Structures are given as C-alpha cells and as structure tokens.
C-alpha cells in the first residue's frame, strides 16, 4: 500500500502523520488537527501560496467552500473527495488555513511517498514535538459555584434571529439555514450540559457527552443531511454503523460504546424535555439494541488490515 507522510509546522514545533494515497484532504485535515489538539469545527483549505486565500494570483487551492459550491477557483475540487495523491507531490508544501475567523496558518509538507507491505487504512499520528497553541484558551470562570438550574436553563422554545454578515447584508437562504441549525445545536447541547451539571455529573463526563453529541450533530447531521440534532435521531445507524467508522481515525469498540452512552443520555433528556417525541426516543433505543453488536463488529473488522472493505459493509459505499 502507498502512504504519504506529512509534516505540519508551527514555529519550532511540528507534527508528523501518515495516510494512504486515497485519503481525502478532509481526512488529512482531521488527523493533522487531531495531532495538535484542535477540533475540526471550522472551514479550512489547502493553498499553494504562502498567503493562502489572500493571494489573488494563487493558482491552486482546495477548500471546504468548494464542496459547498462556493469555491473561488474553477480548479478547486474541494476537500471531501480529493485524495492527497491528487493534491500533493513529494516534497511539496501547501499552506493549511484553518478557521477563517482566527486564521490559523500551518505549512504542511509532503515529506515522502512510500510503498510498504503494511495494510493499515486509517491515518496515523507518528510524532508530535514542541508546544502548539491552544485553540480555545480556558475562560476565567469559577465552575465550582453552586448552580441553580432554573436560573440557567434556557426556555424550551428557543427563538432564533437569522444571522447576517459584517456588512449588514442578509445571508443567502442556504447559508442562513446552516447557521441557524449550527446555532440551534450549540444551544440545545448547552441546555443538556447545564442539566447534567445541575445533577452533579462531573465536568469531564459532561465534556465527553457534549463533544460526542455535537460532533454527530454538526459534522454528520448538519453537513451531510442538513438536519439538526432533534430532527431525526434515527440517523444514528448510518452514523455509527458507517460514517463514524470510516471517517474518524479514533473509531474503535470503545468509542462506539462511548457514543452510544452519550446518545442515550442526550436523547433521554431531549425526550423528557419535549425536544423530541417519545416515540422517536423509543425507536432510537430499539435501533441501538438491534444494531450495537453489528456496529462493534464492523469497526473491529475495519481496523483489521486483513479484512477487505467490501466484506465489512453490507451496502455500497
């Protein structure tokens, strides 16, 4: 199997990862961010110019915007379906521009292309050295103070105003709907977190549940289906039985079980607070009961290099 070795640099620090030649630029970005402790929660792109999107003369770039129909260059094929082999040549460096608000800029170099007898399919973090910046510095808040849930919990009916850009002009309908759902997911998970905190659940456990639920809500439901966390919980089967296994480098039996626990906690709360119908929650529990063993077996097989992908999933990918 042919592998591409990449190095992400930041001042004197660096991270080295290895991916297969067919790995998408989206999945390359995911493992690069994972290696430096960042969450993949913003748009990004790979740019041939050191000035990134700010260079009007740039001739080569691959951006998440192109996957959404908003690419700047006609040649931009996006990141979700472009393999690293189509974007990088050996020793080539491109600028990884992450989060167009905070403007994180990291040079990424394809250090080597090698063919080995290994059959590992998942991206690997090989080495991380030095201190990288913190994506979200901690807030100066005292979490040890007593919490009154009635004072903190938002009302059950949430009113959303359509976002607008910095010029005051309205966003187009598709972008506005995306922002509305993204904001809705954040607010409802905040409510769930407050409820957990009021019931004396540890902060670490709350963070884990919220991280699992938001990743499902934003990276899968919103980006792929255009749905919010409360629109259709039944997509958990497609998520844990397919997408999560193939797209997330950390997917294994433990992470499948942790996600199941998080979803049970969140949707039990959502049903009890009338965020979803009780019938939807009951059907979710039935799906988990019937499919849990299948999901676990699939992730075990996917992580086994001796297994062929077509033998793992009983549906076309």
C-alpha atoms as a PDB file:
ATOM      1  CA  UNK A   1       0.000   0.000   0.000  1.00  0.00           C
ATOM      2  CA  UNK A   2       1.230   3.519  -0.805  1.00  0.00           C
ATOM      3  CA  UNK A   3       1.458   6.059   2.002  1.00  0.00           C
ATOM      4  CA  UNK A   4       2.030   9.809   2.145  1.00  0.00           C
ATOM      5  CA  UNK A   5       3.991  11.232   5.106  1.00  0.00           C
ATOM      6  CA  UNK A   6       3.131  14.801   6.079  1.00  0.00           C
ATOM      7  CA  UNK A   7       4.658  17.299   8.487  1.00  0.00           C
ATOM      8  CA  UNK A   8       2.697  20.218   9.917  1.00  0.00           C
ATOM      9  CA  UNK A   9       4.911  23.023  11.243  1.00  0.00           C
ATOM     10  CA  UNK A  10       4.289  25.796  13.741  1.00  0.00           C
ATOM     11  CA  UNK A  11       7.370  27.844  14.687  1.00  0.00           C
ATOM     12  CA  UNK A  12       9.744  25.301  16.266  1.00  0.00           C
ATOM     13  CA  UNK A  13       7.028  22.684  16.809  1.00  0.00           C
ATOM     14  CA  UNK A  14       5.892  20.026  14.348  1.00  0.00           C
ATOM     15  CA  UNK A  15       3.593  17.040  13.947  1.00  0.00           C
ATOM     16  CA  UNK A  16       4.105  14.125  11.552  1.00  0.00           C
ATOM     17  CA  UNK A  17       1.267  11.965  10.237  1.00  0.00           C
ATOM     18  CA  UNK A  18       0.897   9.154   7.707  1.00  0.00           C
ATOM     19  CA  UNK A  19      -2.101   8.499   5.440  1.00  0.00           C
ATOM     20  CA  UNK A  20      -2.824   6.295   2.442  1.00  0.00           C
ATOM     21  CA  UNK A  21      -2.707   7.748  -1.073  1.00  0.00           C
ATOM     22  CA  UNK A  22      -6.515   7.582  -1.296  1.00  0.00           C
ATOM     23  CA  UNK A  23      -7.103   9.518   1.927  1.00  0.00           C
ATOM     24  CA  UNK A  24      -9.189  12.630   1.266  1.00  0.00           C
ATOM     25  CA  UNK A  25      -7.896  16.087   2.084  1.00  0.00           C
ATOM     26  CA  UNK A  26     -10.765  16.318   4.570  1.00  0.00           C
ATOM     27  CA  UNK A  27      -9.454  13.300   6.462  1.00  0.00           C
ATOM     28  CA  UNK A  28      -5.889  14.623   6.211  1.00  0.00           C
ATOM     29  CA  UNK A  29      -7.070  17.854   7.847  1.00  0.00           C
ATOM     30  CA  UNK A  30      -8.820  15.832  10.557  1.00  0.00           C
ATOM     31  CA  UNK A  31      -5.694  13.894  11.544  1.00  0.00           C
ATOM     32  CA  UNK A  32      -3.485  16.996  11.358  1.00  0.00           C
ATOM     33  CA  UNK A  33      -5.815  18.862  13.709  1.00  0.00           C
ATOM     34  CA  UNK A  34      -6.116  15.838  15.987  1.00  0.00           C
ATOM     35  CA  UNK A  35      -2.325  15.694  16.251  1.00  0.00           C
ATOM     36  CA  UNK A  36      -2.119  19.265  17.605  1.00  0.00           C
ATOM     37  CA  UNK A  37      -5.185  19.098  19.830  1.00  0.00           C
ATOM     38  CA  UNK A  38      -7.574  21.133  17.665  1.00  0.00           C
ATOM     39  CA  UNK A  39     -11.227  20.373  16.953  1.00  0.00           C
ATOM     40  CA  UNK A  40     -12.362  20.225  13.331  1.00  0.00           C
ATOM     41  CA  UNK A  41     -15.156  22.729  13.831  1.00  0.00           C
ATOM     42  CA  UNK A  42     -14.444  25.390  11.189  1.00  0.00           C
ATOM     43  CA  UNK A  43     -13.930  25.715   7.457  1.00  0.00           C
ATOM     44  CA  UNK A  44     -10.451  25.208   6.034  1.00  0.00           C
ATOM     45  CA  UNK A  45      -8.403  24.932   2.876  1.00  0.00           C
ATOM     46  CA  UNK A  46      -5.040  23.921   1.453  1.00  0.00           C
ATOM     47  CA  UNK A  47      -3.330  26.658  -0.561  1.00  0.00           C
ATOM     48  CA  UNK A  48      -0.275  26.643  -2.833  1.00  0.00           C
ATOM     49  CA  UNK A  49       0.511  30.283  -1.979  1.00  0.00           C
ATOM     50  CA  UNK A  50       2.072  31.150   1.411  1.00  0.00           C
ATOM     51  CA  UNK A  51      -0.511  33.958   1.563  1.00  0.00           C
ATOM     52  CA  UNK A  52      -3.350  31.480   1.235  1.00  0.00           C
ATOM     53  CA  UNK A  53      -6.743  32.850   0.175  1.00  0.00           C
ATOM     54  CA  UNK A  54      -5.414  36.391   0.397  1.00  0.00           C
ATOM     55  CA  UNK A  55      -3.280  35.900  -2.730  1.00  0.00           C
ATOM     56  CA  UNK A  56      -5.309  36.877  -5.786  1.00  0.00           C
ATOM     57  CA  UNK A  57      -2.730  35.248  -8.049  1.00  0.00           C
ATOM     58  CA  UNK A  58      -2.958  31.851  -6.413  1.00  0.00           C
ATOM     59  CA  UNK A  59      -3.498  29.090  -8.967  1.00  0.00           C
ATOM     60  CA  UNK A  60      -4.018  26.033  -6.771  1.00  0.00           C
ATOM     61  CA  UNK A  61      -6.204  25.553  -3.719  1.00  0.00           C
ATOM     62  CA  UNK A  62      -8.570  23.002  -2.237  1.00  0.00           C
ATOM     63  CA  UNK A  63     -11.228  24.313   0.150  1.00  0.00           C
ATOM     64  CA  UNK A  64     -14.267  23.148   2.057  1.00  0.00           C
ATOM     65  CA  UNK A  65     -16.116  26.054   0.440  1.00  0.00           C
ATOM     66  CA  UNK A  66     -15.794  24.335  -2.951  1.00  0.00           C
ATOM     67  CA  UNK A  67     -17.632  21.293  -1.574  1.00  0.00           C
ATOM     68  CA  UNK A  68     -20.466  23.667  -0.710  1.00  0.00           C
ATOM     69  CA  UNK A  69     -20.475  25.267  -4.171  1.00  0.00           C
ATOM     70  CA  UNK A  70     -18.606  28.422  -3.155  1.00  0.00           C
ATOM     71  CA  UNK A  71     -15.075  27.763  -4.430  1.00  0.00           C
ATOM     72  CA  UNK A  72     -13.041  30.752  -5.549  1.00  0.00           C
ATOM     73  CA  UNK A  73     -11.150  28.938  -8.320  1.00  0.00           C
ATOM     74  CA  UNK A  74     -12.729  26.790 -11.030  1.00  0.00           C
ATOM     75  CA  UNK A  75      -9.940  24.262 -10.459  1.00  0.00           C
ATOM     76  CA  UNK A  76     -10.829  23.873  -6.756  1.00  0.00           C
ATOM     77  CA  UNK A  77     -12.172  20.324  -6.433  1.00  0.00           C
ATOM     78  CA  UNK A  78     -12.843  20.645  -2.720  1.00  0.00           C
ATOM     79  CA  UNK A  79     -11.527  18.519   0.139  1.00  0.00           C
ATOM     80  CA  UNK A  80     -14.126  15.844   0.748  1.00  0.00           C
ATOM     81  CA  UNK A  81     -13.478  13.855  -2.436  1.00  0.00           C
ATOM     82  CA  UNK A  82      -9.977  14.975  -3.422  1.00  0.00           C
ATOM     83  CA  UNK A  83      -7.313  12.413  -2.425  1.00  0.00           C
ATOM     84  CA  UNK A  84      -3.934  13.552  -1.156  1.00  0.00           C
ATOM     85  CA  UNK A  85      -2.344  11.940  -4.207  1.00  0.00           C
ATOM     86  CA  UNK A  86      -4.147  14.423  -6.459  1.00  0.00           C
ATOM     87  CA  UNK A  87      -3.135  17.452  -4.399  1.00  0.00           C
ATOM     88  CA  UNK A  88       0.421  16.837  -3.209  1.00  0.00           C
ATOM     89  CA  UNK A  89       3.625  15.766  -4.903  1.00  0.00           C
ATOM     90  CA  UNK A  90       6.630  14.609  -2.910  1.00  0.00           C
ATOM     91  CA  UNK A  91       8.397  17.455  -1.029  1.00  0.00           C
ATOM     92  CA  UNK A  92       5.579  19.859  -1.908  1.00  0.00           C
ATOM     93  CA  UNK A  93       4.444  22.325   0.778  1.00  0.00           C
ATOM     94  CA  UNK A  94       0.982  23.858   0.947  1.00  0.00           C
ATOM     95  CA  UNK A  95      -0.498  26.268   3.467  1.00  0.00           C
ATOM     96  CA  UNK A  96      -3.172  24.710   5.666  1.00  0.00           C
ATOM     97  CA  UNK A  97      -5.540  27.569   6.506  1.00  0.00           C
ATOM     98  CA  UNK A  98      -7.929  26.601   9.305  1.00  0.00           C
ATOM     99  CA  UNK A  99     -10.738  28.778  10.729  1.00  0.00           C
ATOM    100  CA  UNK A 100     -11.185  31.863   8.564  1.00  0.00           C
ATOM    101  CA  UNK A 101     -12.026  33.870  11.668  1.00  0.00           C
ATOM    102  CA  UNK A 102      -8.990  33.107  13.824  1.00  0.00           C
ATOM    103  CA  UNK A 103      -6.789  32.455  10.769  1.00  0.00           C
ATOM    104  CA  UNK A 104      -4.679  29.514  11.898  1.00  0.00           C
ATOM    105  CA  UNK A 105      -1.954  29.119   9.242  1.00  0.00           C
ATOM    106  CA  UNK A 106       0.208  25.980   9.185  1.00  0.00           C
ATOM    107  CA  UNK A 107       2.660  24.937   6.454  1.00  0.00           C
ATOM    108  CA  UNK A 108       2.081  21.269   5.578  1.00  0.00           C
ATOM    109  CA  UNK A 109       4.774  19.385   3.657  1.00  0.00           C
ATOM    110  CA  UNK A 110       4.551  16.013   1.944  1.00  0.00           C
ATOM    111  CA  UNK A 111       7.881  14.699   3.229  1.00  0.00           C
ATOM    112  CA  UNK A 112       7.784  11.330   1.496  1.00  0.00           C
ATOM    113  CA  UNK A 113       5.736   8.904  -0.563  1.00  0.00           C
ATOM    114  CA  UNK A 114       6.453   5.278   0.228  1.00  0.00           C
ATOM    115  CA  UNK A 115       5.092   1.874  -0.633  1.00  0.00           C
ATOM    116  CA  UNK A 116       5.214  -0.767   2.085  1.00  0.00           C
ATOM    117  CA  UNK A 117       3.705  -4.134   2.869  1.00  0.00           C
ATOM    118  CA  UNK A 118       1.548  -2.579   5.584  1.00  0.00           C
ATOM    119  CA  UNK A 119      -2.212  -2.647   5.005  1.00  0.00           C
ATOM    120  CA  UNK A 120      -3.295  -0.125   7.616  1.00  0.00           C
ATOM    121  CA  UNK A 121      -6.017   2.082   6.202  1.00  0.00           C
ATOM    122  CA  UNK A 122      -6.510   4.617   8.965  1.00  0.00           C
ATOM    123  CA  UNK A 123      -4.466   7.828   9.272  1.00  0.00           C
ATOM    124  CA  UNK A 124      -1.708   7.613  11.883  1.00  0.00           C
ATOM    125  CA  UNK A 125      -0.080  10.241  14.079  1.00  0.00           C
ATOM    126  CA  UNK A 126       3.611   9.360  14.015  1.00  0.00           C
ATOM    127  CA  UNK A 127       5.258  12.090  16.069  1.00  0.00           C
ATOM    128  CA  UNK A 128       4.452  15.380  17.796  1.00  0.00           C
ATOM    129  CA  UNK A 129       7.187  17.616  19.163  1.00  0.00           C
ATOM    130  CA  UNK A 130       7.048  21.027  20.799  1.00  0.00           C
ATOM    131  CA  UNK A 131       4.225  23.146  22.150  1.00  0.00           C
ATOM    132  CA  UNK A 132       1.349  24.085  19.875  1.00  0.00           C
ATOM    133  CA  UNK A 133      -1.038  26.977  20.529  1.00  0.00           C
ATOM    134  CA  UNK A 134      -4.299  26.259  22.343  1.00  0.00           C
ATOM    135  CA  UNK A 135      -7.307  26.525  20.067  1.00  0.00           C
ATOM    136  CA  UNK A 136      -9.689  27.644  22.809  1.00  0.00           C
ATOM    137  CA  UNK A 137      -7.951  29.079  25.889  1.00  0.00           C
ATOM    138  CA  UNK A 138      -9.925  28.412  29.106  1.00  0.00           C
ATOM    139  CA  UNK A 139     -12.319  31.089  30.268  1.00  0.00           C
ATOM    140  CA  UNK A 140     -11.888  32.759  33.637  1.00  0.00           C
ATOM    141  CA  UNK A 141     -14.981  31.210  35.154  1.00  0.00           C
ATOM    142  CA  UNK A 142     -15.452  29.503  38.506  1.00  0.00           C
ATOM    143  CA  UNK A 143     -17.216  26.202  37.809  1.00  0.00           C
ATOM    144  CA  UNK A 144     -17.262  25.318  41.480  1.00  0.00           C
ATOM    145  CA  UNK A 145     -20.042  27.755  42.355  1.00  0.00           C
ATOM    146  CA  UNK A 146     -23.471  26.271  43.183  1.00  0.00           C
ATOM    147  CA  UNK A 147     -25.774  26.135  40.154  1.00  0.00           C
ATOM    148  CA  UNK A 148     -29.481  26.854  40.116  1.00  0.00           C
ATOM    149  CA  UNK A 149     -30.792  25.068  37.050  1.00  0.00           C
ATOM    150  CA  UNK A 150     -33.964  27.219  36.914  1.00  0.00           C
ATOM    151  CA  UNK A 151     -31.829  30.338  36.617  1.00  0.00           C
ATOM    152  CA  UNK A 152     -29.581  28.942  33.897  1.00  0.00           C
ATOM    153  CA  UNK A 153     -31.697  26.694  31.705  1.00  0.00           C
ATOM    154  CA  UNK A 154     -32.944  28.477  28.569  1.00  0.00           C
ATOM    155  CA  UNK A 155     -36.675  28.254  27.794  1.00  0.00           C
ATOM    156  CA  UNK A 156     -37.940  25.197  25.949  1.00  0.00           C
ATOM    157  CA  UNK A 157     -38.920  27.290  22.939  1.00  0.00           C
ATOM    158  CA  UNK A 158     -35.862  28.999  21.512  1.00  0.00           C
ATOM    159  CA  UNK A 159     -36.207  31.990  19.203  1.00  0.00           C
ATOM    160  CA  UNK A 160     -33.551  32.394  16.537  1.00  0.00           C
ATOM    161  CA  UNK A 161     -32.738  35.506  14.570  1.00  0.00           C
ATOM    162  CA  UNK A 162     -31.269  34.946  11.138  1.00  0.00           C
ATOM    163  CA  UNK A 163     -27.566  35.782  11.158  1.00  0.00           C
ATOM    164  CA  UNK A 164     -26.123  38.465   8.912  1.00  0.00           C
ATOM    165  CA  UNK A 165     -22.628  39.172   7.694  1.00  0.00           C
ATOM    166  CA  UNK A 166     -20.376  42.034   8.814  1.00  0.00           C
ATOM    167  CA  UNK A 167     -21.759  44.346   6.123  1.00  0.00           C
ATOM    168  CA  UNK A 168     -25.275  44.001   7.471  1.00  0.00           C
ATOM    169  CA  UNK A 169     -26.476  42.189   4.358  1.00  0.00           C
ATOM    170  CA  UNK A 170     -28.626  39.087   4.823  1.00  0.00           C
ATOM    171  CA  UNK A 171     -27.001  35.729   4.212  1.00  0.00           C
ATOM    172  CA  UNK A 172     -28.387  33.640   1.356  1.00  0.00           C
ATOM    173  CA  UNK A 173     -31.065  31.139   2.318  1.00  0.00           C
ATOM    174  CA  UNK A 174     -28.805  28.081   2.366  1.00  0.00           C
ATOM    175  CA  UNK A 175     -26.100  29.715   4.457  1.00  0.00           C
ATOM    176  CA  UNK A 176     -28.659  31.231   6.814  1.00  0.00           C
ATOM    177  CA  UNK A 177     -30.265  27.838   7.364  1.00  0.00           C
ATOM    178  CA  UNK A 178     -26.855  26.286   8.032  1.00  0.00           C
ATOM    179  CA  UNK A 179     -26.066  28.964  10.621  1.00  0.00           C
ATOM    180  CA  UNK A 180     -29.493  28.578  12.217  1.00  0.00           C
ATOM    181  CA  UNK A 181     -29.060  24.830  12.672  1.00  0.00           C
ATOM    182  CA  UNK A 182     -25.460  25.224  13.867  1.00  0.00           C
ATOM    183  CA  UNK A 183     -26.634  27.768  16.465  1.00  0.00           C
ATOM    184  CA  UNK A 184     -29.568  25.570  17.453  1.00  0.00           C
ATOM    185  CA  UNK A 185     -27.296  22.567  18.040  1.00  0.00           C
ATOM    186  CA  UNK A 186     -24.969  24.648  20.206  1.00  0.00           C
ATOM    187  CA  UNK A 187     -27.841  25.981  22.314  1.00  0.00           C
ATOM    188  CA  UNK A 188     -29.566  22.675  22.872  1.00  0.00           C
ATOM    189  CA  UNK A 189     -26.296  20.984  23.858  1.00  0.00           C
ATOM    190  CA  UNK A 190     -25.660  23.868  26.261  1.00  0.00           C
ATOM    191  CA  UNK A 191     -29.047  23.164  27.868  1.00  0.00           C
ATOM    192  CA  UNK A 192     -28.166  19.486  28.148  1.00  0.00           C
ATOM    193  CA  UNK A 193     -24.812  20.379  29.742  1.00  0.00           C
ATOM    194  CA  UNK A 194     -26.467  22.648  32.301  1.00  0.00           C
ATOM    195  CA  UNK A 195     -28.907  19.866  33.195  1.00  0.00           C
ATOM    196  CA  UNK A 196     -26.030  17.397  33.650  1.00  0.00           C
ATOM    197  CA  UNK A 197     -24.076  19.899  35.731  1.00  0.00           C
ATOM    198  CA  UNK A 198     -27.065  20.557  37.969  1.00  0.00           C
ATOM    199  CA  UNK A 199     -27.328  16.804  38.535  1.00  0.00           C
ATOM    200  CA  UNK A 200     -23.710  16.721  39.759  1.00  0.00           C
ATOM    201  CA  UNK A 201     -22.257  14.931  36.739  1.00  0.00           C
ATOM    202  CA  UNK A 202     -18.503  15.537  36.534  1.00  0.00           C
ATOM    203  CA  UNK A 203     -17.240  18.193  34.159  1.00  0.00           C
ATOM    204  CA  UNK A 204     -15.083  15.648  32.318  1.00  0.00           C
ATOM    205  CA  UNK A 205     -18.089  13.393  31.665  1.00  0.00           C
ATOM    206  CA  UNK A 206     -20.206  16.342  30.542  1.00  0.00           C
ATOM    207  CA  UNK A 207     -17.495  17.449  28.135  1.00  0.00           C
ATOM    208  CA  UNK A 208     -17.259  13.942  26.678  1.00  0.00           C
ATOM    209  CA  UNK A 209     -21.023  13.628  26.146  1.00  0.00           C
ATOM    210  CA  UNK A 210     -21.316  17.104  24.636  1.00  0.00           C
ATOM    211  CA  UNK A 211     -18.342  16.565  22.349  1.00  0.00           C
ATOM    212  CA  UNK A 212     -19.785  13.278  21.048  1.00  0.00           C
ATOM    213  CA  UNK A 213     -23.253  14.723  20.521  1.00  0.00           C
ATOM    214  CA  UNK A 214     -22.068  17.922  18.824  1.00  0.00           C
ATOM    215  CA  UNK A 215     -19.759  16.018  16.501  1.00  0.00           C
ATOM    216  CA  UNK A 216     -22.722  13.880  15.427  1.00  0.00           C
ATOM    217  CA  UNK A 217     -24.935  16.942  15.103  1.00  0.00           C
ATOM    218  CA  UNK A 218     -22.619  19.256  13.180  1.00  0.00           C
ATOM    219  CA  UNK A 219     -20.096  17.094  11.315  1.00  0.00           C
ATOM    220  CA  UNK A 220     -22.623  14.478  10.203  1.00  0.00           C
ATOM    221  CA  UNK A 221     -26.272  15.520  10.519  1.00  0.00           C
ATOM    222  CA  UNK A 222     -25.786  19.156   9.521  1.00  0.00           C
ATOM    223  CA  UNK A 223     -23.014  18.791   6.944  1.00  0.00           C
ATOM    224  CA  UNK A 224     -24.368  15.705   5.204  1.00  0.00           C
ATOM    225  CA  UNK A 225     -28.129  15.751   5.805  1.00  0.00           C
ATOM    226  CA  UNK A 226     -28.917  19.385   6.571  1.00  0.00           C
ATOM    227  CA  UNK A 227     -30.628  18.325   9.812  1.00  0.00           C
ATOM    228  CA  UNK A 228     -30.425  19.406  13.443  1.00  0.00           C
ATOM    229  CA  UNK A 229     -29.873  17.140  16.431  1.00  0.00           C
ATOM    230  CA  UNK A 230     -33.604  16.857  17.080  1.00  0.00           C
ATOM    231  CA  UNK A 231     -34.852  16.397  13.507  1.00  0.00           C
ATOM    232  CA  UNK A 232     -34.223  12.669  13.039  1.00  0.00           C
ATOM    233  CA  UNK A 233     -32.292  10.659  15.672  1.00  0.00           C
ATOM    234  CA  UNK A 234     -32.675   7.521  13.536  1.00  0.00           C
ATOM    235  CA  UNK A 235     -29.580   8.562  11.551  1.00  0.00           C
ATOM    236  CA  UNK A 236     -27.543   7.091  14.399  1.00  0.00           C
ATOM    237  CA  UNK A 237     -27.441   3.810  12.446  1.00  0.00           C
ATOM    238  CA  UNK A 238     -25.878   5.405   9.358  1.00  0.00           C
ATOM    239  CA  UNK A 239     -23.528   7.358  11.609  1.00  0.00           C
ATOM    240  CA  UNK A 240     -22.210   4.669  13.988  1.00  0.00           C
ATOM    241  CA  UNK A 241     -22.557   1.834  11.501  1.00  0.00           C
ATOM    242  CA  UNK A 242     -20.798   3.541   8.604  1.00  0.00           C
ATOM    243  CA  UNK A 243     -19.638   7.163   8.593  1.00  0.00           C
ATOM    244  CA  UNK A 244     -18.031   7.255  12.045  1.00  0.00           C
ATOM    245  CA  UNK A 245     -16.161   4.007  11.429  1.00  0.00           C
ATOM    246  CA  UNK A 246     -14.677   5.154   8.108  1.00  0.00           C
ATOM    247  CA  UNK A 247     -14.161   8.864   8.724  1.00  0.00           C
ATOM    248  CA  UNK A 248     -12.874   9.048  12.301  1.00  0.00           C
ATOM    249  CA  UNK A 249      -9.367   7.828  12.987  1.00  0.00           C
ATOM    250  CA  UNK A 250     -10.227   7.200  16.645  1.00  0.00           C
ATOM    251  CA  UNK A 251     -13.133   4.848  15.891  1.00  0.00           C
ATOM    252  CA  UNK A 252     -12.868   1.574  17.783  1.00  0.00           C
ATOM    253  CA  UNK A 253     -15.032  -0.584  20.031  1.00  0.00           C
ATOM    254  CA  UNK A 254     -14.540   1.754  22.995  1.00  0.00           C
ATOM    255  CA  UNK A 255     -15.501   4.895  21.079  1.00  0.00           C
ATOM    256  CA  UNK A 256     -18.617   3.206  19.642  1.00  0.00           C
ATOM    257  CA  UNK A 257     -19.741   2.305  23.169  1.00  0.00           C
ATOM    258  CA  UNK A 258     -18.945   5.801  24.466  1.00  0.00           C
ATOM    259  CA  UNK A 259     -21.014   7.373  21.691  1.00  0.00           C
ATOM    260  CA  UNK A 260     -23.927   5.062  22.431  1.00  0.00           C
ATOM    261  CA  UNK A 261     -23.839   6.144  26.074  1.00  0.00           C
ATOM    262  CA  UNK A 262     -23.695   9.825  25.111  1.00  0.00           C
ATOM    263  CA  UNK A 263     -26.611   9.490  22.684  1.00  0.00           C
ATOM    264  CA  UNK A 264     -28.726   7.627  25.229  1.00  0.00           C
ATOM    265  CA  UNK A 265     -28.097  10.341  27.834  1.00  0.00           C
ATOM    266  CA  UNK A 266     -28.741  13.221  25.450  1.00  0.00           C
ATOM    267  CA  UNK A 267     -31.860  11.864  23.782  1.00  0.00           C
ATOM    268  CA  UNK A 268     -33.343  10.665  27.090  1.00  0.00           C
ATOM    269  CA  UNK A 269     -33.018  14.271  28.277  1.00  0.00           C
ATOM    270  CA  UNK A 270     -34.379  15.562  24.950  1.00  0.00           C
ATOM    271  CA  UNK A 271     -37.455  13.333  25.180  1.00  0.00           C
ATOM    272  CA  UNK A 272     -38.139  14.224  28.817  1.00  0.00           C
ATOM    273  CA  UNK A 273     -37.894  17.941  27.954  1.00  0.00           C
ATOM    274  CA  UNK A 274     -40.147  17.624  24.874  1.00  0.00           C
ATOM    275  CA  UNK A 275     -37.342  18.336  22.413  1.00  0.00           C
ATOM    276  CA  UNK A 276     -38.153  15.107  20.539  1.00  0.00           C
ATOM    277  CA  UNK A 277     -41.161  12.783  20.553  1.00  0.00           C
ATOM    278  CA  UNK A 278     -41.099   9.901  22.987  1.00  0.00           C
ATOM    279  CA  UNK A 279     -41.714   7.553  20.056  1.00  0.00           C
ATOM    280  CA  UNK A 280     -38.515   8.769  18.377  1.00  0.00           C
ATOM    281  CA  UNK A 281     -36.582   8.046  21.562  1.00  0.00           C
ATOM    282  CA  UNK A 282     -38.113   4.570  21.895  1.00  0.00           C
ATOM    283  CA  UNK A 283     -37.193   3.803  18.277  1.00  0.00           C
ATOM    284  CA  UNK A 284     -33.654   5.052  18.925  1.00  0.00           C
ATOM    285  CA  UNK A 285     -33.276   2.657  21.855  1.00  0.00           C
ATOM    286  CA  UNK A 286     -34.592  -0.200  19.706  1.00  0.00           C
ATOM    287  CA  UNK A 287     -32.082   0.637  16.948  1.00  0.00           C
ATOM    288  CA  UNK A 288     -29.222   0.644  19.447  1.00  0.00           C
ATOM    289  CA  UNK A 289     -30.345  -2.679  20.911  1.00  0.00           C
ATOM    290  CA  UNK A 290     -30.614  -4.333  17.486  1.00  0.00           C
ATOM    291  CA  UNK A 291     -27.531  -2.805  15.834  1.00  0.00           C
ATOM    292  CA  UNK A 292     -24.958  -2.352  18.616  1.00  0.00           C
ATOM    293  CA  UNK A 293     -23.218  -5.689  18.047  1.00  0.00           C
ATOM    294  CA  UNK A 294     -23.148  -5.074  14.286  1.00  0.00           C
ATOM    295  CA  UNK A 295     -21.535  -1.632  14.717  1.00  0.00           C
ATOM    296  CA  UNK A 296     -18.883  -3.053  17.036  1.00  0.00           C
ATOM    297  CA  UNK A 297     -18.093  -5.939  14.690  1.00  0.00           C
ATOM    298  CA  UNK A 298     -17.802  -3.559  11.741  1.00  0.00           C
ATOM    299  CA  UNK A 299     -15.332  -1.271  13.494  1.00  0.00           C
ATOM    300  CA  UNK A 300     -13.257  -4.280  14.581  1.00  0.00           C
ATOM    301  CA  UNK A 301     -13.184  -5.554  11.002  1.00  0.00           C
ATOM    302  CA  UNK A 302     -12.399  -2.118   9.578  1.00  0.00           C
ATOM    303  CA  UNK A 303      -9.414  -1.802  11.894  1.00  0.00           C
ATOM    304  CA  UNK A 304      -8.211  -5.247  10.810  1.00  0.00           C
ATOM    305  CA  UNK A 305      -5.957  -4.750   7.755  1.00  0.00           C
ATOM    306  CA  UNK A 306      -6.595  -8.334   6.660  1.00  0.00           C
ATOM    307  CA  UNK A 307     -10.279  -7.573   6.061  1.00  0.00           C
ATOM    308  CA  UNK A 308     -11.490  -6.242   2.712  1.00  0.00           C
ATOM    309  CA  UNK A 309     -13.767  -3.193   2.885  1.00  0.00           C
ATOM    310  CA  UNK A 310     -16.368  -4.750   0.579  1.00  0.00           C
ATOM    311  CA  UNK A 311     -16.698  -7.639   3.059  1.00  0.00           C
ATOM    312  CA  UNK A 312     -17.300  -5.335   6.037  1.00  0.00           C
ATOM    313  CA  UNK A 313     -20.272  -3.277   4.916  1.00  0.00           C
ATOM    314  CA  UNK A 314     -23.400  -4.900   3.515  1.00  0.00           C
ATOM    315  CA  UNK A 315     -24.197  -1.865   1.338  1.00  0.00           C
ATOM    316  CA  UNK A 316     -22.324   0.041  -1.406  1.00  0.00           C
ATOM    317  CA  UNK A 317     -20.016   2.843  -0.156  1.00  0.00           C
END
